[in-house]
C-alpha atoms as a PDB file:
ATOM      1  CA  MET A   1      -0.100  -0.105   0.028  1.00  0.00           C
ATOM      2  CA  GLN A   2       1.135   3.490  -0.697  1.00  0.00           C
ATOM      3  CA  GLU A   3       2.078   5.645   2.139  1.00  0.00           C
ATOM      4  CA  PHE A   4      -0.961   7.141   3.969  1.00  0.00           C
ATOM      5  CA  THR A   5      -0.614   9.826   6.580  1.00  0.00           C
ATOM      6  CA  SER A   6      -3.626  10.808   8.527  1.00  0.00           C
ATOM      7  CA  THR A   7      -4.697  14.423   9.004  1.00  0.00           C
ATOM      8  CA  GLY A   8      -6.949  13.844  11.832  1.00  0.00           C
ATOM      9  CA  LYS A   9      -5.974  15.205  15.303  1.00  0.00           C
ATOM     10  CA  ARG A  10      -6.293  11.820  16.977  1.00  0.00           C
ATOM     11  CA  MET A  11      -3.949   9.819  14.661  1.00  0.00           C
ATOM     12  CA  THR A  12      -1.638  12.742  14.232  1.00  0.00           C
ATOM     13  CA  ARG A  13      -1.035  13.042  17.851  1.00  0.00           C
ATOM     14  CA  LEU A  14      -0.718   9.188  18.149  1.00  0.00           C
ATOM     15  CA  LEU A  15       1.946   9.084  15.458  1.00  0.00           C
ATOM     16  CA  ALA A  16       3.984  11.842  16.913  1.00  0.00           C
ATOM     17  CA  ALA A  17       4.045  10.031  20.293  1.00  0.00           C
ATOM     18  CA  LEU A  18       5.619   6.974  18.437  1.00  0.00           C
ATOM     19  CA  ASP A  19       8.948   8.845  18.325  1.00  0.00           C
ATOM     20  CA  ALA A  20       9.310   8.369  22.159  1.00  0.00           C
ATOM     21  CA  VAL A  21       8.053   4.815  21.781  1.00  0.00           C
ATOM     22  CA  ALA A  22      10.589   3.861  19.049  1.00  0.00           C
ATOM     23  CA  ALA A  23      13.502   5.282  21.218  1.00  0.00           C
ATOM     24  CA  SER A  24      12.553   3.356  24.239  1.00  0.00           C
ATOM     25  CA  PRO A  25      14.027  -0.105  24.614  1.00  0.00           C
ATOM     26  CA  SER A  26      10.996  -1.343  26.308  1.00  0.00           C
ATOM     27  CA  PRO A  27       8.626  -3.646  24.671  1.00  0.00           C
ATOM     28  CA  VAL A  28       5.422  -2.338  23.136  1.00  0.00           C
ATOM     29  CA  LEU A  29       1.844  -3.641  23.146  1.00  0.00           C
ATOM     30  CA  ILE A  30      -0.356  -2.413  20.404  1.00  0.00           C
ATOM     31  CA  ARG A  31      -4.175  -2.943  21.301  1.00  0.00           C
ATOM     32  CA  GLY A  32      -7.008  -2.463  18.902  1.00  0.00           C
ATOM     33  CA  GLU A  33      -9.669  -4.266  16.886  1.00  0.00           C
ATOM     34  CA  ARG A  34      -8.990  -6.466  14.067  1.00  0.00           C
ATOM     35  CA  GLY A  35      -8.270  -4.601  10.663  1.00  0.00           C
ATOM     36  CA  SER A  36      -7.681  -1.080  12.553  1.00  0.00           C
ATOM     37  CA  GLY A  37      -4.084  -0.765  11.577  1.00  0.00           C
ATOM     38  CA  LYS A  38      -2.001  -2.390  14.428  1.00  0.00           C
ATOM     39  CA  GLU A  39       0.593  -3.662  11.887  1.00  0.00           C
ATOM     40  CA  TYR A  40       0.756  -0.129  10.318  1.00  0.00           C
ATOM     41  CA  LEU A  41       1.596   1.232  13.646  1.00  0.00           C
ATOM     42  CA  ALA A  42       4.248  -1.474  14.369  1.00  0.00           C
ATOM     43  CA  ARG A  43       5.964  -0.688  11.073  1.00  0.00           C
ATOM     44  CA  LYS A  44       5.983   3.013  11.989  1.00  0.00           C
ATOM     45  CA  ILE A  45       7.645   2.428  15.204  1.00  0.00           C
ATOM     46  CA  HIS A  46      10.122   0.280  13.365  1.00  0.00           C
ATOM     47  CA  GLU A  47      10.921   2.985  10.924  1.00  0.00           C
ATOM     48  CA  LYS A  48      11.149   5.571  13.574  1.00  0.00           C
ATOM     49  CA  ARG A  49      14.096   3.592  15.492  1.00  0.00           C
ATOM     50  CA  PRO A  50      17.562   5.012  15.681  1.00  0.00           C
ATOM     51  CA  VAL A  51      18.753   1.634  14.262  1.00  0.00           C
ATOM     52  CA  HIS A  52      17.792   0.132  10.982  1.00  0.00           C
ATOM     53  CA  GLY A  53      17.588  -3.754  11.267  1.00  0.00           C
ATOM     54  CA  PRO A  54      14.913  -6.123   9.801  1.00  0.00           C
ATOM     55  CA  PHE A  55      11.264  -6.027  10.611  1.00  0.00           C
ATOM     56  CA  VAL A  56      10.538  -9.637  11.702  1.00  0.00           C
ATOM     57  CA  GLN A  57       6.798 -10.491  11.852  1.00  0.00           C
ATOM     58  CA  LEU A  58       5.613 -13.775  13.219  1.00  0.00           C
ATOM     59  CA  LYS A  59       1.755 -14.708  13.201  1.00  0.00           C
ATOM     60  CA  CYS A  60       1.287 -16.047  16.840  1.00  0.00           C
ATOM     61  CA  ARG A  61      -1.338 -18.477  15.945  1.00  0.00           C
ATOM     62  CA  ASP A  62       1.061 -20.331  13.700  1.00  0.00           C
ATOM     63  CA  LEU A  63       3.953 -20.652  16.292  1.00  0.00           C
ATOM     64  CA  ASP A  64       4.798 -23.774  18.050  1.00  0.00           C
ATOM     65  CA  ALA A  65       7.913 -24.987  20.175  1.00  0.00           C
ATOM     66  CA  GLY A  66       9.958 -25.575  16.871  1.00  0.00           C
ATOM     67  CA  SER A  67       9.439 -21.990  15.566  1.00  0.00           C
ATOM     68  CA  LEU A  68      10.239 -20.518  18.852  1.00  0.00           C
ATOM     69  CA  SER A  69      13.606 -22.002  18.736  1.00  0.00           C
ATOM     70  CA  GLY A  70      14.289 -20.214  15.569  1.00  0.00           C
ATOM     71  CA  LEU A  71      13.941 -16.914  17.393  1.00  0.00           C
ATOM     72  CA  GLU A  72      17.490 -17.165  18.684  1.00  0.00           C
ATOM     73  CA  ALA A  73      18.587 -16.135  15.216  1.00  0.00           C
ATOM     74  CA  VAL A  74      16.833 -12.710  15.407  1.00  0.00           C
ATOM     75  CA  ALA A  75      19.718 -10.464  15.615  1.00  0.00           C
ATOM     76  CA  ASP A  76      20.042  -7.266  17.781  1.00  0.00           C
ATOM     77  CA  GLY A  77      18.786  -4.265  15.924  1.00  0.00           C
ATOM     78  CA  ALA A  78      15.920  -6.167  14.645  1.00  0.00           C
ATOM     79  CA  THR A  79      12.115  -5.244  15.468  1.00  0.00           C
ATOM     80  CA  LEU A  80      10.442  -8.469  16.299  1.00  0.00           C
ATOM     81  CA  PHE A  81       6.638  -8.084  15.752  1.00  0.00           C
ATOM     82  CA  LEU A  82       4.528 -10.558  17.456  1.00  0.00           C
ATOM     83  CA  ASP A  83       1.329 -10.373  15.470  1.00  0.00           C
ATOM     84  CA  GLY A  84      -1.893 -11.409  17.520  1.00  0.00           C
ATOM     85  CA  ILE A  85      -0.361 -12.341  20.650  1.00  0.00           C
ATOM     86  CA  HIS A  86      -3.773 -13.280  22.084  1.00  0.00           C
ATOM     87  CA  CYS A  87      -3.672 -16.249  19.728  1.00  0.00           C
ATOM     88  CA  LEU A  88      -0.414 -17.704  21.008  1.00  0.00           C
ATOM     89  CA  PRO A  89      -0.832 -21.270  21.952  1.00  0.00           C
ATOM     90  CA  PRO A  90      -0.592 -21.939  25.870  1.00  0.00           C
ATOM     91  CA  ALA A  91       2.293 -24.128  25.350  1.00  0.00           C
ATOM     92  CA  CYS A  92       4.515 -21.342  23.631  1.00  0.00           C
ATOM     93  CA  GLN A  93       3.742 -18.876  26.342  1.00  0.00           C
ATOM     94  CA  LEU A  94       6.231 -19.714  28.978  1.00  0.00           C
ATOM     95  CA  PRO A  95       9.190 -20.441  26.442  1.00  0.00           C
ATOM     96  CA  LEU A  96       8.464 -17.124  24.672  1.00  0.00           C
ATOM     97  CA  HIS A  97       8.386 -15.266  27.946  1.00  0.00           C
ATOM     98  CA  ALA A  98      11.843 -16.899  28.926  1.00  0.00           C
ATOM     99  CA  PHE A  99      13.338 -15.899  25.596  1.00  0.00           C
ATOM    100  CA  LEU A 100      12.044 -12.225  25.754  1.00  0.00           C
ATOM    101  CA  THR A 101      13.234 -11.793  29.239  1.00  0.00           C
ATOM    102  CA  GLU A 102      16.758 -12.904  28.246  1.00  0.00           C
ATOM    103  CA  ARG A 103      16.977 -10.814  25.234  1.00  0.00           C
ATOM    104  CA  ILE A 104      15.390  -7.650  26.982  1.00  0.00           C
ATOM    105  CA  ARG A 105      17.730  -8.030  29.833  1.00  0.00           C
ATOM    106  CA  ALA A 106      20.738  -8.398  27.454  1.00  0.00           C
ATOM    107  CA  GLY A 107      19.662  -5.358  25.390  1.00  0.00           C
ATOM    108  CA  LYS A 108      18.852  -3.146  28.506  1.00  0.00           C
ATOM    109  CA  GLY A 109      20.395   0.479  27.914  1.00  0.00           C
ATOM    110  CA  LYS A 110      21.503  -0.346  24.251  1.00  0.00           C
ATOM    111  CA  ARG A 111      20.196   1.598  21.414  1.00  0.00           C
ATOM    112  CA  ASP A 112      20.585  -1.375  19.114  1.00  0.00           C
ATOM    113  CA  GLY A 113      18.972  -4.156  21.053  1.00  0.00           C
ATOM    114  CA  LEU A 114      15.934  -6.311  19.980  1.00  0.00           C
ATOM    115  CA  LYS A 115      12.805  -4.177  19.942  1.00  0.00           C
ATOM    116  CA  VAL A 116       9.699  -6.404  20.805  1.00  0.00           C
ATOM    117  CA  ILE A 117       6.205  -5.199  19.634  1.00  0.00           C
ATOM    118  CA  ALA A 118       3.026  -7.285  20.060  1.00  0.00           C
ATOM    119  CA  SER A 119      -0.533  -6.729  18.840  1.00  0.00           C
ATOM    120  CA  ALA A 120      -3.568  -7.882  20.598  1.00  0.00           C
ATOM    121  CA  THR A 121      -7.206  -7.990  19.622  1.00  0.00           C
ATOM    122  CA  GLY A 122      -9.530  -8.496  22.669  1.00  0.00           C
ATOM    123  CA  GLU A 123      -8.867  -8.231  26.362  1.00  0.00           C
ATOM    124  CA  LEU A 124      -5.583  -9.931  27.318  1.00  0.00           C
ATOM    125  CA  GLU A 125      -6.606  -9.409  30.991  1.00  0.00           C
ATOM    126  CA  ALA A 126      -9.755 -11.496  30.648  1.00  0.00           C
ATOM    127  CA  LEU A 127      -7.654 -14.425  28.754  1.00  0.00           C
ATOM    128  CA  SER A 128      -5.168 -14.089  31.774  1.00  0.00           C
ATOM    129  CA  ALA A 129      -7.960 -14.168  34.384  1.00  0.00           C
ATOM    130  CA  GLY A 130      -9.391 -17.327  32.514  1.00  0.00           C
ATOM    131  CA  GLY A 131      -6.090 -19.055  32.667  1.00  0.00           C
ATOM    132  CA  THR A 132      -5.465 -19.024  28.926  1.00  0.00           C
ATOM    133  CA  PHE A 133      -2.719 -16.255  28.837  1.00  0.00           C
ATOM    134  CA  ARG A 134       0.001 -16.123  31.274  1.00  0.00           C
ATOM    135  CA  LEU A 135       0.127 -12.953  33.263  1.00  0.00           C
ATOM    136  CA  GLU A 136       3.849 -12.596  33.361  1.00  0.00           C
ATOM    137  CA  LEU A 137       3.781 -12.543  29.751  1.00  0.00           C
ATOM    138  CA  LEU A 138       1.257  -9.954  29.570  1.00  0.00           C
ATOM    139  CA  VAL A 139       3.100  -7.728  32.243  1.00  0.00           C
ATOM    140  CA  LEU A 140       6.394  -8.091  30.343  1.00  0.00           C
ATOM    141  CA  LEU A 141       4.748  -7.081  26.829  1.00  0.00           C
ATOM    142  CA  ASP A 142       2.713  -4.220  28.317  1.00  0.00           C
ATOM    143  CA  MET A 143       5.492  -2.056  29.273  1.00  0.00           C
ATOM    144  CA  ILE A 144       4.322   0.665  26.849  1.00  0.00           C
ATOM    145  CA  SER A 145       0.556   0.389  25.637  1.00  0.00           C
ATOM    146  CA  VAL A 146      -0.401   2.047  22.414  1.00  0.00           C
ATOM    147  CA  SER A 147      -4.226   1.935  21.525  1.00  0.00           C
ATOM    148  CA  CYS A 148      -5.113   1.891  17.702  1.00  0.00           C
ATOM    149  CA  PRO A 149      -8.419   3.573  17.339  1.00  0.00           C
ATOM    150  CA  PRO A 150     -10.979   1.983  15.210  1.00  0.00           C
ATOM    151  CA  LEU A 151     -11.811   3.595  11.679  1.00  0.00           C
ATOM    152  CA  ARG A 152     -15.265   4.595  12.946  1.00  0.00           C
ATOM    153  CA  GLU A 153     -13.700   6.979  15.537  1.00  0.00           C
ATOM    154  CA  ARG A 154     -11.478   8.470  12.541  1.00  0.00           C
ATOM    155  CA  GLN A 155     -14.152   9.730  10.302  1.00  0.00           C
ATOM    156  CA  GLU A 156     -11.765  12.060   8.644  1.00  0.00           C
ATOM    157  CA  ASP A 157      -9.650   9.057   7.211  1.00  0.00           C
ATOM    158  CA  ILE A 158     -12.415   7.158   5.581  1.00  0.00           C
ATOM    159  CA  LEU A 159     -12.735   9.029   2.330  1.00  0.00           C
ATOM    160  CA  PRO A 160      -8.883   9.559   1.926  1.00  0.00           C
ATOM    161  CA  LEU A 161      -8.248   5.836   2.451  1.00  0.00           C
ATOM    162  CA  ALA A 162     -11.075   4.847   0.122  1.00  0.00           C
ATOM    163  CA  THR A 163      -9.599   7.095  -2.566  1.00  0.00           C
ATOM    164  CA  LEU A 164      -6.180   5.651  -2.033  1.00  0.00           C
ATOM    165  CA  PHE A 165      -7.411   1.900  -2.119  1.00  0.00           C
ATOM    166  CA  LEU A 166      -9.537   2.873  -5.311  1.00  0.00           C
ATOM    167  CA  GLY A 167      -6.478   4.256  -7.157  1.00  0.00           C
ATOM    168  CA  GLU A 168      -4.364   1.159  -6.260  1.00  0.00           C
ATOM    169  CA  LEU A 169      -7.069  -1.719  -7.024  1.00  0.00           C
ATOM    170  CA  ALA A 170      -8.127  -0.093 -10.176  1.00  0.00           C
ATOM    171  CA  ALA A 171      -4.518  -0.147 -11.420  1.00  0.00           C
ATOM    172  CA  GLU A 172      -4.291  -3.781 -10.170  1.00  0.00           C
ATOM    173  CA  GLN A 173      -7.339  -4.778 -12.024  1.00  0.00           C
ATOM    174  CA  ASN A 174      -6.678  -2.807 -15.047  1.00  0.00           C
ATOM    175  CA  ARG A 175     -10.051  -0.926 -14.651  1.00  0.00           C
ATOM    176  CA  LEU A 176     -10.716   2.683 -15.547  1.00  0.00           C
ATOM    177  CA  VAL A 177     -12.516   3.774 -12.269  1.00  0.00           C
ATOM    178  CA  GLN A 178     -11.678   7.206 -11.267  1.00  0.00           C
ATOM    179  CA  GLY A 179     -13.743   8.331  -8.141  1.00  0.00           C
ATOM    180  CA  PHE A 180     -16.899   7.950  -6.275  1.00  0.00           C
ATOM    181  CA  SER A 181     -20.302   9.421  -6.980  1.00  0.00           C
ATOM    182  CA  PRO A 182     -21.685  11.720  -4.057  1.00  0.00           C
ATOM    183  CA  ALA A 183     -24.182   9.155  -3.114  1.00  0.00           C
ATOM    184  CA  ALA A 184     -21.184   6.629  -2.857  1.00  0.00           C
ATOM    185  CA  LEU A 185     -19.301   9.083  -0.773  1.00  0.00           C
ATOM    186  CA  LYS A 186     -22.243   9.656   1.635  1.00  0.00           C
ATOM    187  CA  LYS A 187     -22.658   6.036   2.097  1.00  0.00           C
ATOM    188  CA  LEU A 188     -18.975   5.416   2.796  1.00  0.00           C
ATOM    189  CA  GLU A 189     -18.969   8.081   5.543  1.00  0.00           C
ATOM    190  CA  ALA A 190     -22.222   6.816   7.013  1.00  0.00           C
ATOM    191  CA  TYR A 191     -21.132   3.283   7.473  1.00  0.00           C
ATOM    192  CA  HIS A 192     -19.562   2.185  10.867  1.00  0.00           C
ATOM    193  CA  TRP A 193     -17.005   0.053   9.569  1.00  0.00           C
ATOM    194  CA  PRO A 194     -16.844  -3.169  12.201  1.00  0.00           C
ATOM    195  CA  GLY A 195     -13.983  -4.596  10.161  1.00  0.00           C
ATOM    196  CA  ASN A 196     -12.089  -1.240  10.210  1.00  0.00           C
ATOM    197  CA  ILE A 197      -9.664  -0.601   7.441  1.00  0.00           C
ATOM    198  CA  ARG A 198      -9.601  -4.105   6.366  1.00  0.00           C
ATOM    199  CA  GLU A 199     -13.014  -4.178   5.573  1.00  0.00           C
ATOM    200  CA  LEU A 200     -13.046  -0.716   3.798  1.00  0.00           C
ATOM    201  CA  HIS A 201     -10.376  -2.377   1.350  1.00  0.00           C
ATOM    202  CA  ASN A 202     -12.358  -5.415   0.813  1.00  0.00           C
ATOM    203  CA  VAL A 203     -15.503  -3.189   0.069  1.00  0.00           C
ATOM    204  CA  ILE A 204     -13.545  -1.103  -2.470  1.00  0.00           C
ATOM    205  CA  GLU A 205     -11.882  -4.218  -3.974  1.00  0.00           C
ATOM    206  CA  ARG A 206     -15.386  -5.960  -4.766  1.00  0.00           C
ATOM    207  CA  ALA A 207     -16.752  -2.621  -6.082  1.00  0.00           C
ATOM    208  CA  VAL A 208     -13.972  -2.072  -8.446  1.00  0.00           C
ATOM    209  CA  LEU A 209     -14.243  -5.687  -9.429  1.00  0.00           C
ATOM    210  CA  MET A 210     -18.079  -5.716  -9.953  1.00  0.00           C
ATOM    211  CA  GLY A 211     -18.766  -2.113 -10.924  1.00  0.00           C
ATOM    212  CA  ARG A 212     -19.461  -1.257 -14.601  1.00  0.00           C
ATOM    213  CA  GLY A 213     -19.134   2.599 -14.732  1.00  0.00           C
ATOM    214  CA  THR A 214     -16.119   4.855 -14.692  1.00  0.00           C
ATOM    215  CA  ARG A 215     -16.927   6.010 -11.018  1.00  0.00           C
ATOM    216  CA  LEU A 216     -18.094   3.896  -8.236  1.00  0.00           C
ATOM    217  CA  GLU A 217     -21.852   4.076  -7.337  1.00  0.00           C
ATOM    218  CA  ALA A 218     -23.551   3.641  -3.941  1.00  0.00           C
ATOM    219  CA  ASP A 219     -25.054   0.424  -5.299  1.00  0.00           C
ATOM    220  CA  ASP A 220     -21.665  -0.777  -6.094  1.00  0.00           C
ATOM    221  CA  LEU A 221     -20.625  -0.736  -2.332  1.00  0.00           C
ATOM    222  CA  ASP A 222     -21.852  -4.052  -0.497  1.00  0.00           C
ATOM    223  CA  PHE A 223     -21.564  -3.818   3.243  1.00  0.00           C
ATOM    224  CA  ALA A 224     -21.454  -7.351   4.960  1.00  0.00           C
ATOM    225  CA  GLU A 225     -23.362  -6.059   7.995  1.00  0.00           C
ATOM    226  CA  GLY A 226     -26.233  -4.204   6.506  1.00  0.00           C
ATOM    227  CA  VAL A 227     -27.248  -0.635   6.724  1.00  0.00           C
ATOM    228  CA  PRO A 228     -25.211   2.294   8.016  1.00  0.00           C
ATOM    229  CA  LEU A 229     -25.525   3.409  11.645  1.00  0.00           C
ATOM    230  CA  SER A 230     -26.472   7.036  10.659  1.00  0.00           C
ATOM    231  CA  GLY A 231     -29.567   8.215   8.743  1.00  0.00           C
ATOM    232  CA  GLY A 232     -33.014   6.916   8.890  1.00  0.00           C
ATOM    233  CA  GLN A 233     -36.240   8.267  10.248  1.00  0.00           C
ATOM    234  CA  GLY A 234     -35.928  10.863  12.934  1.00  0.00           C
ATOM    235  CA  GLY A 235     -31.946  10.742  12.581  1.00  0.00           C
ATOM    236  CA  MET A 236     -31.783   7.477  14.168  1.00  0.00           C
ATOM    237  CA  ALA A 237     -31.030   4.149  12.853  1.00  0.00           C
ATOM    238  CA  VAL A 238     -29.998   0.616  13.968  1.00  0.00           C
ATOM    239  CA  ARG A 239     -27.556  -1.439  12.365  1.00  0.00           C
ATOM    240  CA  GLN A 240     -29.329  -4.467  10.457  1.00  0.00           C
ATOM    241  CA  ARG A 241     -28.126  -8.203  11.209  1.00  0.00           C
ATOM    242  CA  ALA A 242     -27.185 -10.271   8.342  1.00  0.00           C
ATOM    243  CA  SER A 243     -30.534 -11.998   8.737  1.00  0.00           C
ATOM    244  CA  GLY A 244     -32.334  -8.763   8.093  1.00  0.00           C
ATOM    245  CA  SER A 245     -33.825  -8.322  11.653  1.00  0.00           C
ATOM    246  CA  PRO A 246     -32.494  -5.460  13.814  1.00  0.00           C
ATOM    247  CA  ALA A 247     -29.729  -6.232  16.414  1.00  0.00           C
ATOM    248  CA  VAL A 248     -31.766  -4.270  18.850  1.00  0.00           C
ATOM    249  CA  PRO A 249     -35.302  -3.218  17.973  1.00  0.00           C
ATOM    250  CA  ALA A 250     -35.676   0.360  17.025  1.00  0.00           C
ATOM    251  CA  GLY A 251     -38.470   1.040  19.420  1.00  0.00           C
ATOM    252  CA  ALA A 252     -36.688  -0.354  22.312  1.00  0.00           C
ATOM    253  CA  ALA A 253     -33.412   1.149  21.774  1.00  0.00           C
ATOM    254  CA  ALA A 254     -34.078   4.407  23.912  1.00  0.00           C
ATOM    255  CA  CYS A 255     -35.614   2.435  26.521  1.00  0.00           C
ATOM    256  CA  LEU A 256     -32.694   0.008  27.411  1.00  0.00           C
ATOM    257  CA  GLU A 257     -30.070   1.030  29.804  1.00  0.00           C
ATOM    258  CA  LEU A 258     -26.607   1.034  28.194  1.00  0.00           C
ATOM    259  CA  LYS A 259     -25.526  -2.441  29.651  1.00  0.00           C
ATOM    260  CA  GLU A 260     -28.829  -3.929  28.485  1.00  0.00           C
ATOM    261  CA  ALA A 261     -28.256  -2.563  25.059  1.00  0.00           C
ATOM    262  CA  VAL A 262     -24.512  -3.667  24.724  1.00  0.00           C
ATOM    263  CA  ASN A 263     -25.486  -7.156  26.008  1.00  0.00           C
ATOM    264  CA  ALA A 264     -28.360  -7.439  23.605  1.00  0.00           C
ATOM    265  CA  PHE A 265     -25.851  -6.447  20.731  1.00  0.00           C
ATOM    266  CA  LYS A 266     -23.385  -8.961  21.999  1.00  0.00           C
ATOM    267  CA  LYS A 267     -25.915 -11.727  21.981  1.00  0.00           C
ATOM    268  CA  SER A 268     -27.105 -10.948  18.538  1.00  0.00           C
ATOM    269  CA  TYR A 269     -23.703 -10.363  16.942  1.00  0.00           C
ATOM    270  CA  ILE A 270     -22.304 -13.606  18.528  1.00  0.00           C
ATOM    271  CA  ALA A 271     -25.294 -15.645  17.528  1.00  0.00           C
ATOM    272  CA  ASP A 272     -24.778 -14.454  13.986  1.00  0.00           C
ATOM    273  CA  VAL A 273     -21.125 -15.235  13.964  1.00  0.00           C
ATOM    274  CA  ILE A 274     -21.827 -18.768  15.232  1.00  0.00           C
ATOM    275  CA  ALA A 275     -24.466 -19.435  12.829  1.00  0.00           C
ATOM    276  CA  ALA A 276     -22.239 -18.225   9.876  1.00  0.00           C
ATOM    277  CA  SER A 277     -19.489 -20.687  11.169  1.00  0.00           C
ATOM    278  CA  ALA A 278     -22.144 -23.499  10.982  1.00  0.00           C
ATOM    279  CA  GLY A 279     -22.009 -23.908  14.890  1.00  0.00           C
ATOM    280  CA  ASN A 280     -18.446 -24.273  15.083  1.00  0.00           C
ATOM    281  CA  LYS A 281     -17.419 -22.281  18.049  1.00  0.00           C
ATOM    282  CA  ALA A 282     -13.802 -22.806  17.442  1.00  0.00           C
ATOM    283  CA  GLU A 283     -14.309 -21.122  13.996  1.00  0.00           C
ATOM    284  CA  ALA A 284     -16.701 -18.357  15.435  1.00  0.00           C
ATOM    285  CA  ALA A 285     -13.911 -17.428  18.148  1.00  0.00           C
ATOM    286  CA  ARG A 286     -11.238 -17.079  15.247  1.00  0.00           C
ATOM    287  CA  ARG A 287     -13.762 -14.798  13.177  1.00  0.00           C
ATOM    288  CA  LEU A 288     -14.403 -12.756  16.424  1.00  0.00           C
ATOM    289  CA  GLY A 289     -10.647 -12.302  17.079  1.00  0.00           C
ATOM    290  CA  ILE A 290     -10.938 -13.781  20.703  1.00  0.00           C
ATOM    291  CA  GLU A 291      -9.900 -17.181  22.437  1.00  0.00           C
ATOM    292  CA  ARG A 292     -12.318 -20.142  22.317  1.00  0.00           C
ATOM    293  CA  THR A 293     -12.353 -20.075  26.061  1.00  0.00           C
ATOM    294  CA  TYR A 294     -13.401 -16.445  26.186  1.00  0.00           C
ATOM    295  CA  LEU A 295     -16.086 -17.092  23.764  1.00  0.00           C
ATOM    296  CA  PHE A 296     -17.591 -19.916  25.980  1.00  0.00           C
ATOM    297  CA  ALA A 297     -17.356 -17.554  29.097  1.00  0.00           C
ATOM    298  CA  LEU A 298     -19.336 -14.930  26.945  1.00  0.00           C
ATOM    299  CA  ILE A 299     -21.899 -17.385  26.010  1.00  0.00           C
ATOM    300  CA  LYS A 300     -22.312 -18.280  29.563  1.00  0.00           C
ATOM    301  CA  ASP A 301     -22.437 -14.869  31.012  1.00  0.00           C
ATOM    302  CA  LEU A 302     -24.910 -13.987  28.310  1.00  0.00           C
ATOM    303  CA  GLY A 303     -27.303 -16.786  29.055  1.00  0.00           C
ATOM    304  CA  MET A 304     -26.669 -18.167  25.451  1.00  0.00           C
ATOM    305  CA  GLU A 305     -25.808 -21.759  26.548  1.00  0.00           C
ATOM    306  CA  GLY A 306     -28.496 -23.156  24.145  1.00  0.00           C
ATOM    307  CA  LEU A 307     -26.482 -22.247  21.109  1.00  0.00           C
END
């Protein structure tokens, strides 16, 4: 992807703060929703480091004891990005903690030591409390915490990112598509983007592939989760479930306390994902970006044991 620099105040402040993060030898934990740009922030930290070693990215869900032994070859000066640390198998957590502890101790006070960055989707504290994530590993990685805001909280980034993706994807697909109609722009801004930047990219990719004009129209934009949050009668709208029924009934939305409304949304959304996963809760947990044990805990807490 071409370089993108946000002009929004929140992201501008965050990117500016990464200078100090990059200069510190301490590990960094980047938290955020799936597809929100955690890898982008990790690479920005790497680029801002005073040394220019390799960027080594590991998908934690794919790690095992054998692959962990290969970490010894990662040289000082490198940036080790542990992508999706919440998916790290329990059997790997103690060996990884031992390796990181030794390397961090060896590099203490050195500018060219190993820089450790981890990303997480979901609450590591809840996983730790549930016994599926070691507390000592969480404490080690969370010395510096960076929060990656979701796209719905960065409205000013939606259209510039959509335009960037459109240019790249139209070139890749050899399509002459040069912009968006006003209705398409309005639709992009109104949607709440639960899948964040990754979902925006996928929506534009489908639209470029399936569209027939020289610009994208509102009908070309297919959102997986239904209607946008904004708009609708009286300025209020409720996101539609994939089944077509509201996640929270429109008439009841204003009568529910916040906790009740949140729990109603959670139950609806989890039920939809489990249904889309053909009842396979391990697959549903993967799609939700959480551990299976945490999904079971949510099902129990929300009174959904019948699923």
